[in-house]
Structures are given as C-alpha cells and as structure tokens.
Amino acid sequence: MNQYAFRRAAQVPKDIDADTVGEELHRIWEESGERLEPADVVQSARHKASPLHPCFEWNNAQAGERWRLVQARQLIKCVRVVAADGSTRPAFVHVRIKEENVRRFYQSTDVVVERPTEYAGALAAARRKLAQAKAAFDEVEQLIPPENDGMRSKVELIAQALATAHSMAAHLQ
C-alpha cells in the first residue's frame, strides 16, 4: 500500500489526511477502469460517508457542479506518493488521448509509464503546460514599463529558458 502526502500549498481541509485521500482516489480509479475523472471523484464524494465529502463545497448557493469539478481536479493534482527515501511524485497525471474524440482523464503514475499511448498523452499535456507558461511570461514582458530594464531582462531570461525547455520536450518520446 502506498503512503501519500499533499503537495505544498494544497487546499484541503485540515482534518483530512493525505493517506485517506490517496487511498480513496486510488479506489475510485480502480472502480472506473483505471481512469480517474473529476466527475467520478465528485460523484463518489457526494455521499456524506465518503472520506472525500469534506473536500467539496456542497452548498449550491455558493458553488455549482462545475466548481466541484474544479475542486476535484485540484484534489487529484495535490496528492503525491511518498517513496521509501522520502521523496514524492504525483499520484496521478493528466492524460489527453486523441482517438475518435479527445479523452481526458487522470492516470496513476505507476500505470502511465507502462502504457505508451497514455504516456504520450501525459507528455503532450506537459508540453502544452510549458507552452502556456512561456506565453504567460511573454505577456508579462509586454506589461513591463520601458524604464524597468532590470525586470525586463529577468523576464526575458525566464521566457528564453521556457522556450528552450519546450524545444527540448518536443524531442522526447
């Protein structure tokens, strides 16, 4: 059985323990045919007896179903598996597979490395995130006042580093 931890700055109720969340997400993943989708997490957490129930806002005046899907994604992404040496890695990674239609789900990191199509989907998702990060820094660079050369040079360096990382990631298989 895995040990779990939350990533730093995870937004989960204080009385919720990472092992409980990790085990419950793993159970839902298994029951869903080894694919974890936010809607399945929300559906399972709907029951008051679910250990995930306190992780969601159930008051419809404050939050609707779409917000609960956002909360489910955040919950999935904050759970990490603890290795024997104390290091951690994500328990699940986002996978996007282009088949007849695009399928998006979260996959166990133990499984994704064994399934070439899902690994390629996870790699493609990581590449998109790099491209989005570079675009964000390009936008910030445009907002820097002309007299702030120090800030501009730092943001340019970050954008260049992200462009290099994106270029290198394009060659990963």
N, C-alpha and C. Protein backbone atom coordinates (compact mmCIF):
# COMPACT_ATOMS: atom_id res chain seq x y z
N MET A 1 0.85 -1.18 0.00
CA MET A 1 0.00 0.00 0.00
C MET A 1 0.90 1.24 0.00
N ASN A 2 0.53 2.20 -0.80
CA ASN A 2 1.29 3.44 -0.89
C ASN A 2 1.06 4.34 0.32
N GLN A 3 2.06 5.18 0.59
CA GLN A 3 1.88 6.27 1.53
C GLN A 3 1.72 7.53 0.69
N TYR A 4 0.90 8.45 1.16
CA TYR A 4 0.61 9.65 0.40
C TYR A 4 0.91 10.90 1.22
N ALA A 5 1.11 11.98 0.50
CA ALA A 5 1.28 13.30 1.10
C ALA A 5 0.60 14.30 0.18
N PHE A 6 0.33 15.48 0.71
CA PHE A 6 -0.18 16.56 -0.13
C PHE A 6 0.99 17.41 -0.58
N ARG A 7 0.90 17.96 -1.77
CA ARG A 7 1.94 18.90 -2.19
C ARG A 7 1.80 20.15 -1.34
N ARG A 8 2.89 20.90 -1.29
CA ARG A 8 2.84 22.14 -0.51
C ARG A 8 1.75 23.05 -1.06
N ALA A 9 1.14 23.78 -0.19
CA ALA A 9 0.08 24.75 -0.52
C ALA A 9 -1.19 24.08 -1.02
N ALA A 10 -1.36 22.80 -0.76
CA ALA A 10 -2.59 22.11 -1.14
C ALA A 10 -3.74 22.70 -0.32
N GLN A 11 -4.86 22.90 -0.98
CA GLN A 11 -6.01 23.48 -0.30
C GLN A 11 -7.02 22.39 0.03
N VAL A 12 -6.78 21.73 1.14
CA VAL A 12 -7.67 20.67 1.62
C VAL A 12 -8.00 20.96 3.07
N PRO A 13 -9.16 20.50 3.54
CA PRO A 13 -9.50 20.73 4.95
C PRO A 13 -8.42 20.17 5.87
N LYS A 14 -8.16 20.86 6.96
CA LYS A 14 -7.09 20.49 7.88
C LYS A 14 -7.25 19.11 8.49
N ASP A 15 -8.49 18.66 8.66
CA ASP A 15 -8.72 17.37 9.29
C ASP A 15 -8.73 16.21 8.29
N ILE A 16 -8.37 16.47 7.04
CA ILE A 16 -8.31 15.42 6.02
C ILE A 16 -6.86 14.99 5.87
N ASP A 17 -6.65 13.69 5.91
CA ASP A 17 -5.29 13.16 5.86
C ASP A 17 -4.98 12.67 4.45
N ALA A 18 -3.74 12.87 4.01
CA ALA A 18 -3.32 12.56 2.63
C ALA A 18 -3.46 11.08 2.31
N ASP A 19 -3.16 10.21 3.26
CA ASP A 19 -3.30 8.77 3.00
C ASP A 19 -4.75 8.42 2.72
N THR A 20 -5.67 9.00 3.46
CA THR A 20 -7.09 8.73 3.25
C THR A 20 -7.52 9.18 1.86
N VAL A 21 -7.11 10.39 1.47
CA VAL A 21 -7.47 10.91 0.15
C VAL A 21 -6.82 10.07 -0.94
N GLY A 22 -5.54 9.77 -0.80
CA GLY A 22 -4.84 8.98 -1.81
C GLY A 22 -5.46 7.61 -2.00
N GLU A 23 -5.78 6.94 -0.90
CA GLU A 23 -6.40 5.61 -0.97
C GLU A 23 -7.78 5.68 -1.62
N GLU A 24 -8.55 6.71 -1.29
CA GLU A 24 -9.89 6.85 -1.85
C GLU A 24 -9.81 7.16 -3.35
N LEU A 25 -8.90 8.04 -3.76
CA LEU A 25 -8.73 8.32 -5.20
C LEU A 25 -8.29 7.06 -5.94
N HIS A 26 -7.41 6.29 -5.32
CA HIS A 26 -6.97 5.03 -5.93
C HIS A 26 -8.14 4.06 -6.08
N ARG A 27 -8.99 3.99 -5.06
CA ARG A 27 -10.17 3.11 -5.12
C ARG A 27 -11.09 3.54 -6.27
N ILE A 28 -11.35 4.84 -6.38
CA ILE A 28 -12.21 5.35 -7.46
C ILE A 28 -11.58 5.06 -8.81
N TRP A 29 -10.27 5.25 -8.91
CA TRP A 29 -9.52 4.96 -10.15
C TRP A 29 -9.71 3.50 -10.55
N GLU A 30 -9.55 2.58 -9.59
CA GLU A 30 -9.72 1.16 -9.89
C GLU A 30 -11.14 0.86 -10.36
N GLU A 31 -12.14 1.39 -9.65
CA GLU A 31 -13.54 1.13 -9.99
C GLU A 31 -13.94 1.75 -11.32
N SER A 32 -13.19 2.75 -11.77
CA SER A 32 -13.51 3.44 -13.03
C SER A 32 -12.69 2.90 -14.20
N GLY A 33 -12.20 1.68 -14.08
CA GLY A 33 -11.45 1.09 -15.18
C GLY A 33 -10.07 1.70 -15.35
N GLU A 34 -9.44 2.04 -14.24
CA GLU A 34 -8.09 2.61 -14.24
C GLU A 34 -8.01 3.92 -15.01
N ARG A 35 -9.03 4.74 -14.85
CA ARG A 35 -9.06 6.10 -15.36
C ARG A 35 -9.77 6.93 -14.31
N LEU A 36 -9.14 8.01 -13.92
CA LEU A 36 -9.73 8.85 -12.88
C LEU A 36 -10.22 10.14 -13.51
N GLU A 37 -11.52 10.37 -13.42
CA GLU A 37 -12.11 11.58 -13.98
C GLU A 37 -12.72 12.39 -12.84
N PRO A 38 -12.57 13.72 -12.92
CA PRO A 38 -13.12 14.57 -11.86
C PRO A 38 -14.59 14.29 -11.56
N ALA A 39 -15.39 14.03 -12.57
CA ALA A 39 -16.81 13.76 -12.35
C ALA A 39 -17.02 12.52 -11.48
N ASP A 40 -16.16 11.51 -11.65
CA ASP A 40 -16.27 10.31 -10.82
C ASP A 40 -15.90 10.61 -9.37
N VAL A 41 -14.90 11.48 -9.19
CA VAL A 41 -14.50 11.85 -7.84
C VAL A 41 -15.63 12.62 -7.14
N VAL A 42 -16.23 13.56 -7.85
CA VAL A 42 -17.35 14.32 -7.28
C VAL A 42 -18.51 13.38 -6.94
N GLN A 43 -18.84 12.47 -7.85
CA GLN A 43 -19.95 11.55 -7.62
C GLN A 43 -19.71 10.70 -6.38
N SER A 44 -18.50 10.20 -6.22
CA SER A 44 -18.18 9.38 -5.06
C SER A 44 -18.21 10.21 -3.77
N ALA A 45 -17.73 11.45 -3.85
CA ALA A 45 -17.66 12.31 -2.67
C ALA A 45 -19.02 12.85 -2.25
N ARG A 46 -20.03 12.74 -3.12
CA ARG A 46 -21.37 13.24 -2.83
C ARG A 46 -21.96 12.61 -1.56
N HIS A 47 -21.63 11.36 -1.33
CA HIS A 47 -22.16 10.65 -0.16
C HIS A 47 -21.51 11.20 1.11
N LYS A 48 -22.32 11.53 2.08
CA LYS A 48 -21.79 12.13 3.31
C LYS A 48 -20.80 11.23 4.02
N ALA A 49 -20.90 9.93 3.82
CA ALA A 49 -19.98 9.00 4.48
C ALA A 49 -18.63 8.92 3.75
N SER A 50 -18.53 9.49 2.56
CA SER A 50 -17.28 9.44 1.80
C SER A 50 -16.19 10.24 2.52
N PRO A 51 -14.98 9.69 2.57
CA PRO A 51 -13.90 10.46 3.20
C PRO A 51 -13.54 11.72 2.42
N LEU A 52 -13.97 11.81 1.16
CA LEU A 52 -13.70 12.99 0.34
C LEU A 52 -14.78 14.07 0.47
N HIS A 53 -15.90 13.73 1.07
CA HIS A 53 -17.03 14.66 1.16
C HIS A 53 -16.63 16.04 1.70
N PRO A 54 -15.81 16.12 2.77
CA PRO A 54 -15.46 17.44 3.31
C PRO A 54 -14.56 18.28 2.39
N CYS A 55 -14.04 17.69 1.34
CA CYS A 55 -13.15 18.41 0.43
C CYS A 55 -13.92 19.26 -0.58
N PHE A 56 -15.22 19.18 -0.56
CA PHE A 56 -16.05 19.87 -1.56
C PHE A 56 -17.05 20.82 -0.91
N GLU A 57 -17.39 21.84 -1.66
CA GLU A 57 -18.43 22.78 -1.25
C GLU A 57 -19.75 22.24 -1.80
N TRP A 58 -20.66 21.86 -0.91
CA TRP A 58 -21.92 21.25 -1.33
C TRP A 58 -23.08 22.23 -1.32
N ASN A 59 -22.88 23.42 -0.85
CA ASN A 59 -23.93 24.43 -0.82
C ASN A 59 -24.05 25.02 -2.23
N ASN A 60 -25.14 24.72 -2.92
CA ASN A 60 -25.32 25.18 -4.30
C ASN A 60 -25.45 26.69 -4.41
N ALA A 61 -25.78 27.36 -3.32
CA ALA A 61 -25.82 28.83 -3.36
C ALA A 61 -24.41 29.40 -3.45
N GLN A 62 -23.43 28.63 -2.98
CA GLN A 62 -22.04 29.09 -3.01
C GLN A 62 -21.26 28.48 -4.17
N ALA A 63 -21.64 27.29 -4.59
CA ALA A 63 -20.88 26.62 -5.65
C ALA A 63 -21.79 25.67 -6.41
N GLY A 64 -21.56 25.54 -7.68
CA GLY A 64 -22.32 24.62 -8.50
C GLY A 64 -21.48 23.43 -8.91
N GLU A 65 -22.03 22.62 -9.78
CA GLU A 65 -21.36 21.39 -10.21
C GLU A 65 -20.02 21.66 -10.90
N ARG A 66 -19.95 22.69 -11.69
CA ARG A 66 -18.67 23.00 -12.37
C ARG A 66 -17.58 23.34 -11.36
N TRP A 67 -17.93 24.05 -10.31
CA TRP A 67 -16.94 24.37 -9.29
C TRP A 67 -16.47 23.10 -8.59
N ARG A 68 -17.38 22.16 -8.36
CA ARG A 68 -16.99 20.90 -7.73
C ARG A 68 -16.04 20.12 -8.63
N LEU A 69 -16.21 20.21 -9.95
CA LEU A 69 -15.26 19.56 -10.88
C LEU A 69 -13.88 20.21 -10.76
N VAL A 70 -13.84 21.52 -10.62
CA VAL A 70 -12.57 22.22 -10.40
C VAL A 70 -11.94 21.75 -9.09
N GLN A 71 -12.75 21.65 -8.05
CA GLN A 71 -12.25 21.17 -6.76
C GLN A 71 -11.71 19.75 -6.88
N ALA A 72 -12.38 18.90 -7.66
CA ALA A 72 -11.91 17.52 -7.85
C ALA A 72 -10.56 17.51 -8.56
N ARG A 73 -10.41 18.33 -9.60
CA ARG A 73 -9.11 18.40 -10.31
C ARG A 73 -8.01 18.84 -9.35
N GLN A 74 -8.29 19.86 -8.56
CA GLN A 74 -7.30 20.35 -7.60
C GLN A 74 -6.92 19.27 -6.59
N LEU A 75 -7.91 18.53 -6.14
CA LEU A 75 -7.66 17.46 -5.17
C LEU A 75 -6.79 16.37 -5.79
N ILE A 76 -7.12 15.95 -6.99
CA ILE A 76 -6.35 14.91 -7.68
C ILE A 76 -4.90 15.35 -7.84
N LYS A 77 -4.70 16.59 -8.26
CA LYS A 77 -3.35 17.09 -8.54
C LYS A 77 -2.51 17.32 -7.29
N CYS A 78 -3.13 17.44 -6.12
CA CYS A 78 -2.33 17.74 -4.92
C CYS A 78 -1.86 16.49 -4.19
N VAL A 79 -2.32 15.32 -4.59
CA VAL A 79 -1.93 14.08 -3.90
C VAL A 79 -0.65 13.52 -4.51
N ARG A 80 0.32 13.22 -3.63
CA ARG A 80 1.62 12.70 -4.07
C ARG A 80 1.90 11.38 -3.36
N VAL A 81 2.62 10.50 -4.04
CA VAL A 81 3.04 9.22 -3.46
C VAL A 81 4.40 9.44 -2.81
N VAL A 82 4.56 8.93 -1.59
CA VAL A 82 5.82 9.07 -0.86
C VAL A 82 6.64 7.80 -1.10
N ALA A 83 7.88 7.99 -1.61
CA ALA A 83 8.79 6.86 -1.85
C ALA A 83 9.50 6.50 -0.55
N ALA A 84 10.19 5.36 -0.56
CA ALA A 84 10.89 4.88 0.63
C ALA A 84 11.94 5.88 1.11
N ASP A 85 12.56 6.62 0.18
CA ASP A 85 13.59 7.59 0.55
C ASP A 85 13.01 8.93 1.00
N GLY A 86 11.68 9.05 1.03
CA GLY A 86 11.04 10.27 1.46
C GLY A 86 10.71 11.25 0.35
N SER A 87 11.22 10.98 -0.86
CA SER A 87 10.88 11.84 -1.99
C SER A 87 9.43 11.58 -2.39
N THR A 88 8.85 12.52 -3.12
CA THR A 88 7.46 12.34 -3.55
C THR A 88 7.35 12.53 -5.05
N ARG A 89 6.29 11.97 -5.60
CA ARG A 89 5.95 12.13 -7.01
C ARG A 89 4.43 12.20 -7.10
N PRO A 90 3.91 12.77 -8.18
CA PRO A 90 2.45 12.83 -8.29
C PRO A 90 1.85 11.42 -8.26
N ALA A 91 0.69 11.29 -7.63
CA ALA A 91 -0.01 10.00 -7.63
C ALA A 91 -0.70 9.79 -8.98
N PHE A 92 -1.17 10.89 -9.59
CA PHE A 92 -1.88 10.83 -10.86
C PHE A 92 -1.38 11.95 -11.76
N VAL A 93 -1.35 11.70 -13.07
CA VAL A 93 -1.01 12.73 -14.05
C VAL A 93 -2.15 12.87 -15.03
N HIS A 94 -2.29 14.08 -15.57
CA HIS A 94 -3.33 14.35 -16.55
C HIS A 94 -2.92 13.77 -17.89
N VAL A 95 -3.84 13.06 -18.52
CA VAL A 95 -3.60 12.43 -19.82
C VAL A 95 -4.67 12.88 -20.78
N ARG A 96 -4.23 13.19 -21.98
CA ARG A 96 -5.18 13.57 -23.04
C ARG A 96 -4.86 12.70 -24.25
N ILE A 97 -5.81 11.88 -24.65
CA ILE A 97 -5.60 10.95 -25.76
C ILE A 97 -6.52 11.31 -26.90
N LYS A 98 -5.94 11.42 -28.09
CA LYS A 98 -6.74 11.70 -29.28
C LYS A 98 -7.10 10.36 -29.91
N GLU A 99 -8.34 10.02 -29.85
CA GLU A 99 -8.85 8.83 -30.52
C GLU A 99 -9.92 9.31 -31.47
N GLU A 100 -11.08 8.66 -31.51
CA GLU A 100 -12.18 9.19 -32.30
C GLU A 100 -12.57 10.56 -31.79
N ASN A 101 -12.52 10.73 -30.47
CA ASN A 101 -12.71 12.03 -29.85
C ASN A 101 -11.66 12.16 -28.77
N VAL A 102 -11.46 13.32 -28.27
CA VAL A 102 -10.42 13.53 -27.27
C VAL A 102 -10.91 13.05 -25.91
N ARG A 103 -10.11 12.19 -25.28
CA ARG A 103 -10.41 11.70 -23.94
C ARG A 103 -9.43 12.33 -22.97
N ARG A 104 -9.93 12.89 -21.89
CA ARG A 104 -9.09 13.48 -20.86
C ARG A 104 -9.42 12.82 -19.54
N PHE A 105 -8.38 12.44 -18.83
CA PHE A 105 -8.56 11.81 -17.53
C PHE A 105 -7.23 11.86 -16.79
N TYR A 106 -7.23 11.39 -15.57
CA TYR A 106 -6.01 11.29 -14.78
C TYR A 106 -5.65 9.80 -14.68
N GLN A 107 -4.35 9.54 -14.78
CA GLN A 107 -3.88 8.17 -14.73
C GLN A 107 -2.87 8.03 -13.60
N SER A 108 -2.86 6.87 -12.98
CA SER A 108 -1.87 6.56 -11.96
C SER A 108 -0.47 6.65 -12.58
N THR A 109 0.47 7.28 -11.87
CA THR A 109 1.82 7.37 -12.41
C THR A 109 2.48 6.00 -12.50
N ASP A 110 2.04 5.04 -11.69
CA ASP A 110 2.57 3.68 -11.78
C ASP A 110 2.16 3.02 -13.08
N VAL A 111 1.02 3.39 -13.62
CA VAL A 111 0.46 2.75 -14.82
C VAL A 111 0.84 3.50 -16.09
N VAL A 112 0.86 4.82 -16.02
CA VAL A 112 1.04 5.61 -17.25
C VAL A 112 2.36 5.28 -17.95
N VAL A 113 3.39 4.95 -17.19
CA VAL A 113 4.68 4.64 -17.82
C VAL A 113 4.66 3.30 -18.55
N GLU A 114 3.68 2.47 -18.27
CA GLU A 114 3.57 1.16 -18.92
C GLU A 114 2.66 1.17 -20.14
N ARG A 115 1.97 2.27 -20.38
CA ARG A 115 1.02 2.36 -21.49
C ARG A 115 1.46 3.47 -22.44
N PRO A 116 2.08 3.09 -23.56
CA PRO A 116 2.66 4.09 -24.47
C PRO A 116 1.69 5.19 -24.91
N THR A 117 0.45 4.86 -25.19
CA THR A 117 -0.50 5.88 -25.63
C THR A 117 -0.79 6.87 -24.51
N GLU A 118 -0.96 6.38 -23.30
CA GLU A 118 -1.24 7.26 -22.17
C GLU A 118 0.00 8.06 -21.79
N TYR A 119 1.18 7.45 -21.88
CA TYR A 119 2.42 8.18 -21.59
C TYR A 119 2.59 9.32 -22.59
N ALA A 120 2.32 9.04 -23.85
CA ALA A 120 2.40 10.10 -24.88
C ALA A 120 1.40 11.20 -24.59
N GLY A 121 0.22 10.84 -24.11
CA GLY A 121 -0.79 11.83 -23.74
C GLY A 121 -0.34 12.69 -22.57
N ALA A 122 0.31 12.08 -21.57
CA ALA A 122 0.82 12.83 -20.42
C ALA A 122 1.96 13.75 -20.85
N LEU A 123 2.82 13.26 -21.73
CA LEU A 123 3.92 14.07 -22.24
C LEU A 123 3.40 15.26 -23.04
N ALA A 124 2.39 15.03 -23.85
CA ALA A 124 1.79 16.11 -24.64
C ALA A 124 1.17 17.16 -23.70
N ALA A 125 0.54 16.72 -22.62
CA ALA A 125 -0.05 17.66 -21.66
C ALA A 125 1.04 18.50 -21.00
N ALA A 126 2.17 17.88 -20.68
CA ALA A 126 3.29 18.62 -20.08
C ALA A 126 3.85 19.65 -21.07
N ARG A 127 3.93 19.26 -22.34
CA ARG A 127 4.41 20.20 -23.36
C ARG A 127 3.48 21.41 -23.47
N ARG A 128 2.17 21.16 -23.43
CA ARG A 128 1.21 22.26 -23.50
C ARG A 128 1.37 23.21 -22.32
N LYS A 129 1.63 22.65 -21.14
CA LYS A 129 1.83 23.49 -19.96
C LYS A 129 3.07 24.36 -20.11
N LEU A 130 4.14 23.80 -20.68
CA LEU A 130 5.34 24.60 -20.93
C LEU A 130 5.03 25.74 -21.89
N ALA A 131 4.31 25.44 -22.95
CA ALA A 131 3.95 26.47 -23.94
C ALA A 131 3.10 27.55 -23.29
N GLN A 132 2.18 27.15 -22.41
CA GLN A 132 1.33 28.12 -21.71
C GLN A 132 2.15 28.99 -20.76
N ALA A 133 3.12 28.39 -20.09
CA ALA A 133 3.98 29.16 -19.18
C ALA A 133 4.79 30.19 -19.97
N LYS A 134 5.34 29.78 -21.12
CA LYS A 134 6.10 30.73 -21.94
C LYS A 134 5.19 31.86 -22.43
N ALA A 135 4.00 31.54 -22.87
CA ALA A 135 3.06 32.56 -23.33
C ALA A 135 2.73 33.54 -22.20
N ALA A 136 2.59 33.03 -20.98
CA ALA A 136 2.28 33.89 -19.83
C ALA A 136 3.43 34.87 -19.58
N PHE A 137 4.67 34.39 -19.65
CA PHE A 137 5.80 35.28 -19.44
C PHE A 137 5.98 36.25 -20.59
N ASP A 138 5.65 35.84 -21.81
CA ASP A 138 5.68 36.76 -22.94
C ASP A 138 4.69 37.90 -22.72
N GLU A 139 3.52 37.58 -22.20
CA GLU A 139 2.51 38.60 -21.92
C GLU A 139 2.97 39.55 -20.82
N VAL A 140 3.56 38.99 -19.76
CA VAL A 140 4.05 39.82 -18.66
C VAL A 140 5.15 40.75 -19.16
N GLU A 141 6.00 40.25 -20.04
CA GLU A 141 7.08 41.07 -20.58
C GLU A 141 6.53 42.31 -21.28
N GLN A 142 5.41 42.16 -21.97
CA GLN A 142 4.80 43.29 -22.66
C GLN A 142 4.26 44.34 -21.69
N LEU A 143 4.00 43.97 -20.46
CA LEU A 143 3.44 44.89 -19.47
C LEU A 143 4.50 45.67 -18.68
N ILE A 144 5.75 45.26 -18.81
CA ILE A 144 6.82 45.89 -18.03
C ILE A 144 7.08 47.30 -18.57
N PRO A 145 7.09 48.29 -17.70
CA PRO A 145 7.36 49.66 -18.16
C PRO A 145 8.76 49.75 -18.78
N PRO A 146 8.91 50.56 -19.82
CA PRO A 146 10.20 50.66 -20.52
C PRO A 146 11.37 51.03 -19.60
N GLU A 147 11.11 51.79 -18.54
CA GLU A 147 12.20 52.22 -17.66
C GLU A 147 12.67 51.11 -16.71
N ASN A 148 11.98 49.97 -16.70
CA ASN A 148 12.35 48.88 -15.79
C ASN A 148 13.13 47.80 -16.53
N ASP A 149 14.34 48.13 -16.98
CA ASP A 149 15.16 47.19 -17.75
C ASP A 149 15.57 45.96 -16.94
N GLY A 150 15.79 46.14 -15.65
CA GLY A 150 16.19 45.01 -14.82
C GLY A 150 15.12 43.92 -14.81
N MET A 151 13.88 44.34 -14.63
CA MET A 151 12.77 43.39 -14.63
C MET A 151 12.63 42.76 -16.01
N ARG A 152 12.72 43.58 -17.06
CA ARG A 152 12.58 43.08 -18.43
C ARG A 152 13.62 42.00 -18.73
N SER A 153 14.86 42.22 -18.34
CA SER A 153 15.90 41.24 -18.65
C SER A 153 15.66 39.92 -17.92
N LYS A 154 15.17 40.00 -16.67
CA LYS A 154 14.88 38.78 -15.92
C LYS A 154 13.73 37.99 -16.56
N VAL A 155 12.68 38.70 -16.94
CA VAL A 155 11.54 38.03 -17.57
C VAL A 155 11.93 37.46 -18.92
N GLU A 156 12.77 38.16 -19.67
CA GLU A 156 13.26 37.64 -20.95
C GLU A 156 14.04 36.35 -20.75
N LEU A 157 14.89 36.31 -19.71
CA LEU A 157 15.66 35.09 -19.42
C LEU A 157 14.73 33.92 -19.09
N ILE A 158 13.70 34.19 -18.31
CA ILE A 158 12.74 33.14 -17.97
C ILE A 158 12.04 32.65 -19.23
N ALA A 159 11.59 33.57 -20.07
CA ALA A 159 10.91 33.20 -21.31
C ALA A 159 11.84 32.39 -22.22
N GLN A 160 13.11 32.77 -22.28
CA GLN A 160 14.07 32.01 -23.09
C GLN A 160 14.28 30.60 -22.53
N ALA A 161 14.38 30.50 -21.21
CA ALA A 161 14.55 29.19 -20.59
C ALA A 161 13.34 28.30 -20.86
N LEU A 162 12.15 28.88 -20.78
CA LEU A 162 10.94 28.11 -21.07
C LEU A 162 10.89 27.69 -22.54
N ALA A 163 11.33 28.57 -23.43
CA ALA A 163 11.37 28.23 -24.86
C ALA A 163 12.35 27.08 -25.10
N THR A 164 13.49 27.12 -24.43
CA THR A 164 14.47 26.03 -24.56
C THR A 164 13.89 24.73 -24.02
N ALA A 165 13.26 24.79 -22.86
CA ALA A 165 12.65 23.60 -22.27
C ALA A 165 11.57 23.04 -23.20
N HIS A 166 10.75 23.91 -23.77
CA HIS A 166 9.69 23.47 -24.68
C HIS A 166 10.29 22.81 -25.91
N SER A 167 11.35 23.39 -26.44
CA SER A 167 12.02 22.83 -27.62
C SER A 167 12.59 21.45 -27.31
N MET A 168 13.23 21.31 -26.15
CA MET A 168 13.79 20.01 -25.77
C MET A 168 12.69 18.98 -25.52
N ALA A 169 11.60 19.42 -24.91
CA ALA A 169 10.49 18.50 -24.63
C ALA A 169 9.86 17.98 -25.92
N ALA A 170 9.94 18.77 -26.98
CA ALA A 170 9.37 18.35 -28.26
C ALA A 170 10.07 17.12 -28.81
N HIS A 171 11.30 16.88 -28.37
CA HIS A 171 12.07 15.75 -28.86
C HIS A 171 11.97 14.51 -27.98
N LEU A 172 11.25 14.61 -26.89
CA LEU A 172 11.06 13.44 -26.00
C LEU A 172 10.03 12.49 -26.63
N GLN A 173 10.23 11.25 -26.42
CA GLN A 173 9.31 10.23 -26.93
C GLN A 173 8.72 9.45 -25.80
